[in-house]
């Protein structure tokens, strides 16, 4: 029953995508690179790789140059807003949470 409710949630919240193709396609390139390079050597290396790949994909989706963002963070200039802030701003601009609003 829970699965049915999860599947039908899109009827109440039309902003939910009907598929996860963008996520699957986004994961394909890093997975192929990992397979070709035989992966990382340590658990810490795997965590670092995953973090950088996630940051890279998020920055790309937001139209932010990944290398500029990393330089901005490492140098401490902080001229580029935090990615979470950009995501929240864009969600608000596009009214993505409108169907979740439960206030009267």
PDB file of N, CA and C in Angstrom:
ATOM      1  N   UNK A   1       0.819  -1.200   0.000  1.00  0.00           N
ATOM      2  CA  UNK A   1       0.000   0.000   0.000  1.00  0.00           C
ATOM      3  C   UNK A   1       0.863   1.264   0.000  1.00  0.00           C
ATOM      4  N   UNK A   2       1.967   1.256   0.786  1.00  0.00           N
ATOM      5  CA  UNK A   2       2.839   2.426   0.842  1.00  0.00           C
ATOM      6  C   UNK A   2       3.421   2.754  -0.530  1.00  0.00           C
ATOM      7  N   UNK A   3       3.743   1.713  -1.289  1.00  0.00           N
ATOM      8  CA  UNK A   3       4.314   1.936  -2.615  1.00  0.00           C
ATOM      9  C   UNK A   3       3.288   2.616  -3.524  1.00  0.00           C
ATOM     10  N   UNK A   4       2.039   2.213  -3.412  1.00  0.00           N
ATOM     11  CA  UNK A   4       0.983   2.808  -4.228  1.00  0.00           C
ATOM     12  C   UNK A   4       0.843   4.293  -3.903  1.00  0.00           C
ATOM     13  N   UNK A   5       0.865   4.638  -2.610  1.00  0.00           N
ATOM     14  CA  UNK A   5       0.761   6.041  -2.204  1.00  0.00           C
ATOM     15  C   UNK A   5       1.945   6.850  -2.730  1.00  0.00           C
ATOM     16  N   UNK A   6       3.132   6.247  -2.677  1.00  0.00           N
ATOM     17  CA  UNK A   6       4.321   6.933  -3.194  1.00  0.00           C
ATOM     18  C   UNK A   6       4.206   7.178  -4.692  1.00  0.00           C
ATOM     19  N   UNK A   7       3.710   6.180  -5.405  1.00  0.00           N
ATOM     20  CA  UNK A   7       3.572   6.315  -6.852  1.00  0.00           C
ATOM     21  C   UNK A   7       2.508   7.346  -7.232  1.00  0.00           C
ATOM     22  N   UNK A   8       1.456   7.443  -6.444  1.00  0.00           N
ATOM     23  CA  UNK A   8       0.369   8.377  -6.744  1.00  0.00           C
ATOM     24  C   UNK A   8       0.624   9.786  -6.214  1.00  0.00           C
ATOM     25  N   UNK A   9       1.712   9.984  -5.479  1.00  0.00           N
ATOM     26  CA  UNK A   9       2.034  11.296  -4.915  1.00  0.00           C
ATOM     27  C   UNK A   9       2.153  12.359  -6.005  1.00  0.00           C
ATOM     28  N   UNK A  10       2.545  11.948  -7.189  1.00  0.00           N
ATOM     29  CA  UNK A  10       2.715  12.889  -8.299  1.00  0.00           C
ATOM     30  C   UNK A  10       1.394  13.565  -8.672  1.00  0.00           C
ATOM     31  N   UNK A  11       0.280  12.951  -8.364  1.00  0.00           N
ATOM     32  CA  UNK A  11      -1.013  13.560  -8.669  1.00  0.00           C
ATOM     33  C   UNK A  11      -1.270  14.783  -7.796  1.00  0.00           C
ATOM     34  N   UNK A  12      -0.794  14.733  -6.556  1.00  0.00           N
ATOM     35  CA  UNK A  12      -0.943  15.878  -5.652  1.00  0.00           C
ATOM     36  C   UNK A  12       0.178  16.896  -5.809  1.00  0.00           C
ATOM     37  N   UNK A  13       1.322  16.441  -6.314  1.00  0.00           N
ATOM     38  CA  UNK A  13       2.506  17.298  -6.428  1.00  0.00           C
ATOM     39  C   UNK A  13       3.068  17.198  -7.849  1.00  0.00           C
ATOM     40  N   UNK A  14       2.511  17.959  -8.787  1.00  0.00           N
ATOM     41  CA  UNK A  14       2.897  17.836 -10.196  1.00  0.00           C
ATOM     42  C   UNK A  14       4.345  18.227 -10.493  1.00  0.00           C
ATOM     43  N   UNK A  15       5.034  18.876  -9.544  1.00  0.00           N
ATOM     44  CA  UNK A  15       6.430  19.242  -9.801  1.00  0.00           C
ATOM     45  C   UNK A  15       7.375  18.039  -9.671  1.00  0.00           C
ATOM     46  N   UNK A  16       6.875  16.925  -9.137  1.00  0.00           N
ATOM     47  CA  UNK A  16       7.698  15.721  -9.017  1.00  0.00           C
ATOM     48  C   UNK A  16       7.840  15.103 -10.405  1.00  0.00           C
ATOM     49  N   UNK A  17       9.078  14.847 -10.849  1.00  0.00           N
ATOM     50  CA  UNK A  17       9.247  14.231 -12.171  1.00  0.00           C
ATOM     51  C   UNK A  17       8.706  12.798 -12.184  1.00  0.00           C
ATOM     52  N   UNK A  18       8.239  12.379 -13.340  1.00  0.00           N
ATOM     53  CA  UNK A  18       7.684  11.034 -13.469  1.00  0.00           C
ATOM     54  C   UNK A  18       8.765   9.965 -13.611  1.00  0.00           C
ATOM     55  N   UNK A  19       9.995  10.372 -13.812  1.00  0.00           N
ATOM     56  CA  UNK A  19      11.105   9.428 -13.974  1.00  0.00           C
ATOM     57  C   UNK A  19      12.369  10.039 -13.381  1.00  0.00           C
ATOM     58  N   UNK A  20      13.403   9.223 -13.266  1.00  0.00           N
ATOM     59  CA  UNK A  20      14.666   9.717 -12.723  1.00  0.00           C
ATOM     60  C   UNK A  20      15.778   9.699 -13.776  1.00  0.00           C
ATOM     61  N   UNK A  21      15.417   9.825 -15.041  1.00  0.00           N
ATOM     62  CA  UNK A  21      16.416   9.788 -16.110  1.00  0.00           C
ATOM     63  C   UNK A  21      17.544  10.800 -15.933  1.00  0.00           C
ATOM     64  N   UNK A  22      17.274  12.063 -15.558  1.00  0.00           N
ATOM     65  CA  UNK A  22      18.392  12.996 -15.378  1.00  0.00           C
ATOM     66  C   UNK A  22      19.394  12.518 -14.327  1.00  0.00           C
ATOM     67  N   UNK A  23      18.913  11.929 -13.247  1.00  0.00           N
ATOM     68  CA  UNK A  23      19.814  11.418 -12.213  1.00  0.00           C
ATOM     69  C   UNK A  23      20.615  10.234 -12.737  1.00  0.00           C
ATOM     70  N   UNK A  24      19.953   9.353 -13.461  1.00  0.00           N
ATOM     71  CA  UNK A  24      20.645   8.193 -14.024  1.00  0.00           C
ATOM     72  C   UNK A  24      21.706   8.617 -15.034  1.00  0.00           C
ATOM     73  N   UNK A  25      21.351   9.553 -15.901  1.00  0.00           N
ATOM     74  CA  UNK A  25      22.310  10.028 -16.895  1.00  0.00           C
ATOM     75  C   UNK A  25      23.464  10.774 -16.235  1.00  0.00           C
ATOM     76  N   UNK A  26      23.176  11.508 -15.172  1.00  0.00           N
ATOM     77  CA  UNK A  26      24.218  12.231 -14.455  1.00  0.00           C
ATOM     78  C   UNK A  26      25.213  11.302 -13.794  1.00  0.00           C
ATOM     79  N   UNK A  27      24.763  10.128 -13.388  1.00  0.00           N
ATOM     80  CA  UNK A  27      25.644   9.170 -12.722  1.00  0.00           C
ATOM     81  C   UNK A  27      26.470   8.364 -13.718  1.00  0.00           C
ATOM     82  N   UNK A  28      26.062   8.319 -14.961  1.00  0.00           N
ATOM     83  CA  UNK A  28      26.729   7.454 -15.935  1.00  0.00           C
ATOM     84  C   UNK A  28      28.195   7.817 -16.157  1.00  0.00           C
ATOM     85  N   UNK A  29      28.492   9.100 -16.368  1.00  0.00           N
ATOM     86  CA  UNK A  29      29.866   9.517 -16.665  1.00  0.00           C
ATOM     87  C   UNK A  29      30.826   9.200 -15.514  1.00  0.00           C
ATOM     88  N   UNK A  30      30.497   9.578 -14.267  1.00  0.00           N
ATOM     89  CA  UNK A  30      31.404   9.242 -13.170  1.00  0.00           C
ATOM     90  C   UNK A  30      31.588   7.733 -12.981  1.00  0.00           C
ATOM     91  N   UNK A  31      30.534   6.958 -13.193  1.00  0.00           N
ATOM     92  CA  UNK A  31      30.640   5.509 -13.036  1.00  0.00           C
ATOM     93  C   UNK A  31      31.572   4.937 -14.092  1.00  0.00           C
ATOM     94  N   UNK A  32      31.441   5.388 -15.326  1.00  0.00           N
ATOM     95  CA  UNK A  32      32.342   4.903 -16.387  1.00  0.00           C
ATOM     96  C   UNK A  32      33.790   5.278 -16.080  1.00  0.00           C
ATOM     97  N   UNK A  33      34.029   6.499 -15.619  1.00  0.00           N
ATOM     98  CA  UNK A  33      35.389   6.925 -15.286  1.00  0.00           C
ATOM     99  C   UNK A  33      35.952   6.070 -14.158  1.00  0.00           C
ATOM    100  N   UNK A  34      35.123   5.787 -13.158  1.00  0.00           N
ATOM    101  CA  UNK A  34      35.570   4.958 -12.041  1.00  0.00           C
ATOM    102  C   UNK A  34      35.928   3.556 -12.523  1.00  0.00           C
ATOM    103  N   UNK A  35      35.113   2.996 -13.421  1.00  0.00           N
ATOM    104  CA  UNK A  35      35.386   1.655 -13.938  1.00  0.00           C
ATOM    105  C   UNK A  35      36.682   1.620 -14.739  1.00  0.00           C
ATOM    106  N   UNK A  36      36.898   2.634 -15.564  1.00  0.00           N
ATOM    107  CA  UNK A  36      38.095   2.680 -16.410  1.00  0.00           C
ATOM    108  C   UNK A  36      39.360   2.870 -15.572  1.00  0.00           C
ATOM    109  N   UNK A  37      39.263   3.678 -14.512  1.00  0.00           N
ATOM    110  CA  UNK A  37      40.446   3.966 -13.692  1.00  0.00           C
ATOM    111  C   UNK A  37      40.596   2.980 -12.531  1.00  0.00           C
ATOM    112  N   UNK A  38      39.739   1.973 -12.465  1.00  0.00           N
ATOM    113  CA  UNK A  38      39.753   0.962 -11.408  1.00  0.00           C
ATOM    114  C   UNK A  38      39.444   1.543 -10.030  1.00  0.00           C
ATOM    115  N   UNK A  39      38.764   2.657  -9.993  1.00  0.00           N
ATOM    116  CA  UNK A  39      38.271   3.216  -8.742  1.00  0.00           C
ATOM    117  C   UNK A  39      39.333   3.855  -7.874  1.00  0.00           C
ATOM    118  N   UNK A  40      38.943   4.144  -6.639  1.00  0.00           N
ATOM    119  CA  UNK A  40      39.857   4.771  -5.690  1.00  0.00           C
ATOM    120  C   UNK A  40      40.536   3.692  -4.857  1.00  0.00           C
ATOM    121  N   UNK A  41      41.556   4.089  -4.105  1.00  0.00           N
ATOM    122  CA  UNK A  41      42.324   3.113  -3.328  1.00  0.00           C
ATOM    123  C   UNK A  41      41.887   3.018  -1.877  1.00  0.00           C
ATOM    124  N   UNK A  42      41.207   4.040  -1.375  1.00  0.00           N
ATOM    125  CA  UNK A  42      40.802   4.052   0.032  1.00  0.00           C
ATOM    126  C   UNK A  42      39.351   4.499   0.162  1.00  0.00           C
ATOM    127  N   UNK A  43      38.787   4.250   1.337  1.00  0.00           N
ATOM    128  CA  UNK A  43      37.421   4.722   1.606  1.00  0.00           C
ATOM    129  C   UNK A  43      37.366   6.243   1.601  1.00  0.00           C
ATOM    130  N   UNK A  44      38.399   6.886   2.161  1.00  0.00           N
ATOM    131  CA  UNK A  44      38.438   8.351   2.149  1.00  0.00           C
ATOM    132  C   UNK A  44      38.496   8.877   0.720  1.00  0.00           C
ATOM    133  N   UNK A  45      39.254   8.184  -0.132  1.00  0.00           N
ATOM    134  CA  UNK A  45      39.331   8.576  -1.538  1.00  0.00           C
ATOM    135  C   UNK A  45      37.979   8.453  -2.218  1.00  0.00           C
ATOM    136  N   UNK A  46      37.247   7.404  -1.886  1.00  0.00           N
ATOM    137  CA  UNK A  46      35.906   7.206  -2.454  1.00  0.00           C
ATOM    138  C   UNK A  46      34.959   8.310  -2.012  1.00  0.00           C
ATOM    139  N   UNK A  47      35.041   8.667  -0.732  1.00  0.00           N
ATOM    140  CA  UNK A  47      34.179   9.740  -0.216  1.00  0.00           C
ATOM    141  C   UNK A  47      34.511  11.073  -0.884  1.00  0.00           C
ATOM    142  N   UNK A  48      35.809  11.348  -1.030  1.00  0.00           N
ATOM    143  CA  UNK A  48      36.231  12.599  -1.674  1.00  0.00           C
ATOM    144  C   UNK A  48      35.768  12.625  -3.129  1.00  0.00           C
ATOM    145  N   UNK A  49      35.946  11.517  -3.839  1.00  0.00           N
ATOM    146  CA  UNK A  49      35.528  11.421  -5.239  1.00  0.00           C
ATOM    147  C   UNK A  49      34.024  11.664  -5.364  1.00  0.00           C
ATOM    148  N   UNK A  50      33.247  10.983  -4.520  1.00  0.00           N
ATOM    149  CA  UNK A  50      31.790  11.134  -4.566  1.00  0.00           C
ATOM    150  C   UNK A  50      31.367  12.572  -4.276  1.00  0.00           C
ATOM    151  N   UNK A  51      32.027  13.198  -3.307  1.00  0.00           N
ATOM    152  CA  UNK A  51      31.709  14.585  -2.960  1.00  0.00           C
ATOM    153  C   UNK A  51      31.988  15.517  -4.127  1.00  0.00           C
ATOM    154  N   UNK A  52      33.159  15.361  -4.743  1.00  0.00           N
ATOM    155  CA  UNK A  52      33.510  16.230  -5.870  1.00  0.00           C
ATOM    156  C   UNK A  52      32.603  15.983  -7.070  1.00  0.00           C
ATOM    157  N   UNK A  53      32.232  14.747  -7.322  1.00  0.00           N
ATOM    158  CA  UNK A  53      31.343  14.454  -8.445  1.00  0.00           C
ATOM    159  C   UNK A  53      29.959  15.052  -8.201  1.00  0.00           C
ATOM    160  N   UNK A  54      29.492  14.981  -6.963  1.00  0.00           N
ATOM    161  CA  UNK A  54      28.194  15.566  -6.621  1.00  0.00           C
ATOM    162  C   UNK A  54      28.225  17.086  -6.768  1.00  0.00           C
ATOM    163  N   UNK A  55      29.286  17.713  -6.248  1.00  0.00           N
ATOM    164  CA  UNK A  55      29.435  19.163  -6.388  1.00  0.00           C
ATOM    165  C   UNK A  55      29.512  19.567  -7.856  1.00  0.00           C
ATOM    166  N   UNK A  56      30.277  18.807  -8.626  1.00  0.00           N
ATOM    167  CA  UNK A  56      30.447  19.108 -10.049  1.00  0.00           C
ATOM    168  C   UNK A  56      29.113  19.035 -10.791  1.00  0.00           C
ATOM    169  N   UNK A  57      28.356  17.973 -10.548  1.00  0.00           N
ATOM    170  CA  UNK A  57      27.065  17.802 -11.230  1.00  0.00           C
ATOM    171  C   UNK A  57      26.071  18.887 -10.814  1.00  0.00           C
ATOM    172  N   UNK A  58      26.059  19.218  -9.530  1.00  0.00           N
ATOM    173  CA  UNK A  58      25.138  20.248  -9.041  1.00  0.00           C
ATOM    174  C   UNK A  58      25.483  21.606  -9.631  1.00  0.00           C
ATOM    175  N   UNK A  59      26.778  21.941  -9.625  1.00  0.00           N
ATOM    176  CA  UNK A  59      27.212  23.223 -10.189  1.00  0.00           C
ATOM    177  C   UNK A  59      26.845  23.305 -11.671  1.00  0.00           C
ATOM    178  N   UNK A  60      27.061  22.217 -12.389  1.00  0.00           N
ATOM    179  CA  UNK A  60      26.742  22.201 -13.822  1.00  0.00           C
ATOM    180  C   UNK A  60      25.247  22.435 -14.055  1.00  0.00           C
ATOM    181  N   UNK A  61      24.398  21.772 -13.277  1.00  0.00           N
ATOM    182  CA  UNK A  61      22.950  21.942 -13.421  1.00  0.00           C
ATOM    183  C   UNK A  61      22.514  23.371 -13.126  1.00  0.00           C
ATOM    184  N   UNK A  62      23.256  24.039 -12.236  1.00  0.00           N
ATOM    185  CA  UNK A  62      22.918  25.411 -11.863  1.00  0.00           C
ATOM    186  C   UNK A  62      23.574  26.445 -12.771  1.00  0.00           C
ATOM    187  N   UNK A  63      24.408  25.983 -13.712  1.00  0.00           N
ATOM    188  CA  UNK A  63      25.089  26.907 -14.618  1.00  0.00           C
ATOM    189  C   UNK A  63      26.255  27.631 -13.968  1.00  0.00           C
ATOM    190  N   UNK A  64      26.831  27.028 -12.938  1.00  0.00           N
ATOM    191  CA  UNK A  64      27.974  27.610 -12.232  1.00  0.00           C
ATOM    192  C   UNK A  64      29.220  26.822 -12.611  1.00  0.00           C
ATOM    193  N   UNK A  65      30.292  27.534 -12.967  1.00  0.00           N
ATOM    194  CA  UNK A  65      31.540  26.867 -13.310  1.00  0.00           C
ATOM    195  C   UNK A  65      32.098  26.183 -12.062  1.00  0.00           C
ATOM    196  N   UNK A  66      32.274  24.869 -12.142  1.00  0.00           N
ATOM    197  CA  UNK A  66      32.716  24.081 -10.995  1.00  0.00           C
ATOM    198  C   UNK A  66      34.078  24.531 -10.484  1.00  0.00           C
ATOM    199  N   UNK A  67      35.026  24.750 -11.395  1.00  0.00           N
ATOM    200  CA  UNK A  67      36.380  25.133 -10.978  1.00  0.00           C
ATOM    201  C   UNK A  67      36.383  26.516 -10.333  1.00  0.00           C
ATOM    202  N   UNK A  68      35.579  27.415 -10.853  1.00  0.00           N
ATOM    203  CA  UNK A  68      35.461  28.747 -10.242  1.00  0.00           C
ATOM    204  C   UNK A  68      34.853  28.634  -8.850  1.00  0.00           C
ATOM    205  N   UNK A  69      33.868  27.755  -8.706  1.00  0.00           N
ATOM    206  CA  UNK A  69      33.222  27.564  -7.407  1.00  0.00           C
ATOM    207  C   UNK A  69      34.218  27.007  -6.390  1.00  0.00           C
ATOM    208  N   UNK A  70      34.980  25.984  -6.784  1.00  0.00           N
ATOM    209  CA  UNK A  70      35.967  25.389  -5.878  1.00  0.00           C
ATOM    210  C   UNK A  70      37.027  26.422  -5.506  1.00  0.00           C
ATOM    211  N   UNK A  71      37.518  27.178  -6.502  1.00  0.00           N
ATOM    212  CA  UNK A  71      38.509  28.225  -6.218  1.00  0.00           C
ATOM    213  C   UNK A  71      37.935  29.255  -5.250  1.00  0.00           C
ATOM    214  N   UNK A  72      36.691  29.641  -5.467  1.00  0.00           N
ATOM    215  CA  UNK A  72      36.017  30.614  -4.613  1.00  0.00           C
ATOM    216  C   UNK A  72      35.967  30.114  -3.165  1.00  0.00           C
ATOM    217  N   UNK A  73      35.684  28.841  -2.978  1.00  0.00           N
ATOM    218  CA  UNK A  73      35.606  28.274  -1.635  1.00  0.00           C
ATOM    219  C   UNK A  73      36.988  28.153  -0.996  1.00  0.00           C
ATOM    220  N   UNK A  74      37.968  27.650  -1.754  1.00  0.00           N
ATOM    221  CA  UNK A  74      39.312  27.445  -1.197  1.00  0.00           C
ATOM    222  C   UNK A  74      39.992  28.775  -0.893  1.00  0.00           C
ATOM    223  N   UNK A  75      39.823  29.749  -1.779  1.00  0.00           N
ATOM    224  CA  UNK A  75      40.469  31.053  -1.580  1.00  0.00           C
ATOM    225  C   UNK A  75      39.777  31.877  -0.494  1.00  0.00           C
ATOM    226  N   UNK A  76      38.539  31.516  -0.174  1.00  0.00           N
ATOM    227  CA  UNK A  76      37.802  32.231   0.864  1.00  0.00           C
ATOM    228  C   UNK A  76      37.174  33.528   0.402  1.00  0.00           C
ATOM    229  N   UNK A  77      37.154  33.781  -0.918  1.00  0.00           N
ATOM    230  CA  UNK A  77      36.539  35.022  -1.403  1.00  0.00           C
ATOM    231  C   UNK A  77      35.020  34.995  -1.267  1.00  0.00           C
ATOM    232  N   UNK A  78      34.443  33.824  -1.405  1.00  0.00           N
ATOM    233  CA  UNK A  78      32.997  33.610  -1.225  1.00  0.00           C
ATOM    234  C   UNK A  78      32.141  34.582  -2.029  1.00  0.00           C
ATOM    235  N   UNK A  79      32.565  34.844  -3.265  1.00  0.00           N
ATOM    236  CA  UNK A  79      31.785  35.700  -4.165  1.00  0.00           C
ATOM    237  C   UNK A  79      30.636  34.930  -4.813  1.00  0.00           C
ATOM    238  N   UNK A  80      30.828  33.632  -4.982  1.00  0.00           N
ATOM    239  CA  UNK A  80      29.779  32.785  -5.558  1.00  0.00           C
ATOM    240  C   UNK A  80      28.943  32.251  -4.396  1.00  0.00           C
ATOM    241  N   UNK A  81      27.626  32.394  -4.460  1.00  0.00           N
ATOM    242  CA  UNK A  81      26.800  31.916  -3.349  1.00  0.00           C
ATOM    243  C   UNK A  81      26.898  30.400  -3.176  1.00  0.00           C
ATOM    244  N   UNK A  82      26.646  29.951  -1.968  1.00  0.00           N
ATOM    245  CA  UNK A  82      26.618  28.534  -1.656  1.00  0.00           C
ATOM    246  C   UNK A  82      25.608  27.847  -2.579  1.00  0.00           C
ATOM    247  N   UNK A  83      25.934  26.644  -3.044  1.00  0.00           N
ATOM    248  CA  UNK A  83      25.048  25.939  -3.973  1.00  0.00           C
ATOM    249  C   UNK A  83      23.663  25.703  -3.367  1.00  0.00           C
ATOM    250  N   UNK A  84      23.600  25.416  -2.079  1.00  0.00           N
ATOM    251  CA  UNK A  84      22.302  25.200  -1.424  1.00  0.00           C
ATOM    252  C   UNK A  84      21.450  26.466  -1.465  1.00  0.00           C
ATOM    253  N   UNK A  85      22.090  27.615  -1.336  1.00  0.00           N
ATOM    254  CA  UNK A  85      21.369  28.889  -1.391  1.00  0.00           C
ATOM    255  C   UNK A  85      20.820  29.115  -2.801  1.00  0.00           C
ATOM    256  N   UNK A  86      21.634  28.810  -3.807  1.00  0.00           N
ATOM    257  CA  UNK A  86      21.197  28.977  -5.200  1.00  0.00           C
ATOM    258  C   UNK A  86      20.012  28.056  -5.484  1.00  0.00           C
ATOM    259  N   UNK A  87      20.084  26.824  -5.006  1.00  0.00           N
ATOM    260  CA  UNK A  87      18.986  25.874  -5.211  1.00  0.00           C
ATOM    261  C   UNK A  87      17.706  26.393  -4.560  1.00  0.00           C
ATOM    262  N   UNK A  88      17.818  26.869  -3.327  1.00  0.00           N
ATOM    263  CA  UNK A  88      16.642  27.393  -2.617  1.00  0.00           C
ATOM    264  C   UNK A  88      16.051  28.602  -3.343  1.00  0.00           C
ATOM    265  N   UNK A  89      16.916  29.491  -3.846  1.00  0.00           N
ATOM    266  CA  UNK A  89      16.438  30.668  -4.579  1.00  0.00           C
ATOM    267  C   UNK A  89      15.705  30.259  -5.849  1.00  0.00           C
ATOM    268  N   UNK A  90      16.283  29.323  -6.587  1.00  0.00           N
ATOM    269  CA  UNK A  90      15.654  28.884  -7.843  1.00  0.00           C
ATOM    270  C   UNK A  90      14.330  28.183  -7.577  1.00  0.00           C
ATOM    271  N   UNK A  91      14.275  27.394  -6.517  1.00  0.00           N
ATOM    272  CA  UNK A  91      13.023  26.707  -6.175  1.00  0.00           C
ATOM    273  C   UNK A  91      11.941  27.726  -5.850  1.00  0.00           C
ATOM    274  N   UNK A  92      12.323  28.777  -5.129  1.00  0.00           N
ATOM    275  CA  UNK A  92      11.361  29.819  -4.770  1.00  0.00           C
ATOM    276  C   UNK A  92      10.915  30.585  -6.017  1.00  0.00           C
ATOM    277  N   UNK A  93      11.869  30.885  -6.919  1.00  0.00           N
ATOM    278  CA  UNK A  93      11.543  31.611  -8.157  1.00  0.00           C
ATOM    279  C   UNK A  93      10.548  30.842  -9.012  1.00  0.00           C
ATOM    280  N   UNK A  94      10.697  29.518  -9.035  1.00  0.00           N
ATOM    281  CA  UNK A  94       9.842  28.686  -9.880  1.00  0.00           C
ATOM    282  C   UNK A  94       8.651  28.117  -9.117  1.00  0.00           C
ATOM    283  N   UNK A  95       8.502  28.548  -7.861  1.00  0.00           N
ATOM    284  CA  UNK A  95       7.373  28.128  -7.033  1.00  0.00           C
ATOM    285  C   UNK A  95       7.257  26.606  -6.969  1.00  0.00           C
ATOM    286  N   UNK A  96       8.408  25.933  -6.795  1.00  0.00           N
ATOM    287  CA  UNK A  96       8.410  24.472  -6.824  1.00  0.00           C
ATOM    288  C   UNK A  96       7.768  23.825  -5.603  1.00  0.00           C
ATOM    289  N   UNK A  97       7.676  24.542  -4.515  1.00  0.00           N
ATOM    290  CA  UNK A  97       7.093  23.943  -3.312  1.00  0.00           C
ATOM    291  C   UNK A  97       5.627  24.328  -3.124  1.00  0.00           C
ATOM    292  N   UNK A  98       5.022  24.935  -4.107  1.00  0.00           N
ATOM    293  CA  UNK A  98       3.647  25.437  -3.963  1.00  0.00           C
ATOM    294  C   UNK A  98       2.661  24.346  -3.571  1.00  0.00           C
ATOM    295  N   UNK A  99       2.784  23.178  -4.152  1.00  0.00           N
ATOM    296  CA  UNK A  99       1.808  22.130  -3.855  1.00  0.00           C
ATOM    297  C   UNK A  99       2.046  21.478  -2.495  1.00  0.00           C
ATOM    298  N   UNK A 100       3.160  21.792  -1.836  1.00  0.00           N
ATOM    299  CA  UNK A 100       3.458  21.227  -0.520  1.00  0.00           C
ATOM    300  C   UNK A 100       2.996  22.157   0.598  1.00  0.00           C
ATOM    301  N   UNK A 101       2.598  23.362   0.262  1.00  0.00           N
ATOM    302  CA  UNK A 101       2.202  24.341   1.268  1.00  0.00           C
ATOM    303  C   UNK A 101       0.915  23.880   1.947  1.00  0.00           C
ATOM    304  N   UNK A 102       0.991  23.697   3.266  1.00  0.00           N
ATOM    305  CA  UNK A 102      -0.179  23.222   4.008  1.00  0.00           C
ATOM    306  C   UNK A 102      -0.814  24.323   4.844  1.00  0.00           C
ATOM    307  N   UNK A 103      -0.293  25.547   4.732  1.00  0.00           N
ATOM    308  CA  UNK A 103      -0.868  26.640   5.517  1.00  0.00           C
ATOM    309  C   UNK A 103      -2.214  27.063   4.929  1.00  0.00           C
ATOM    310  N   UNK A 104      -3.106  27.570   5.789  1.00  0.00           N
ATOM    311  CA  UNK A 104      -4.452  27.942   5.311  1.00  0.00           C
ATOM    312  C   UNK A 104      -4.442  29.138   4.392  1.00  0.00           C
TER     313      UNK A 104
END
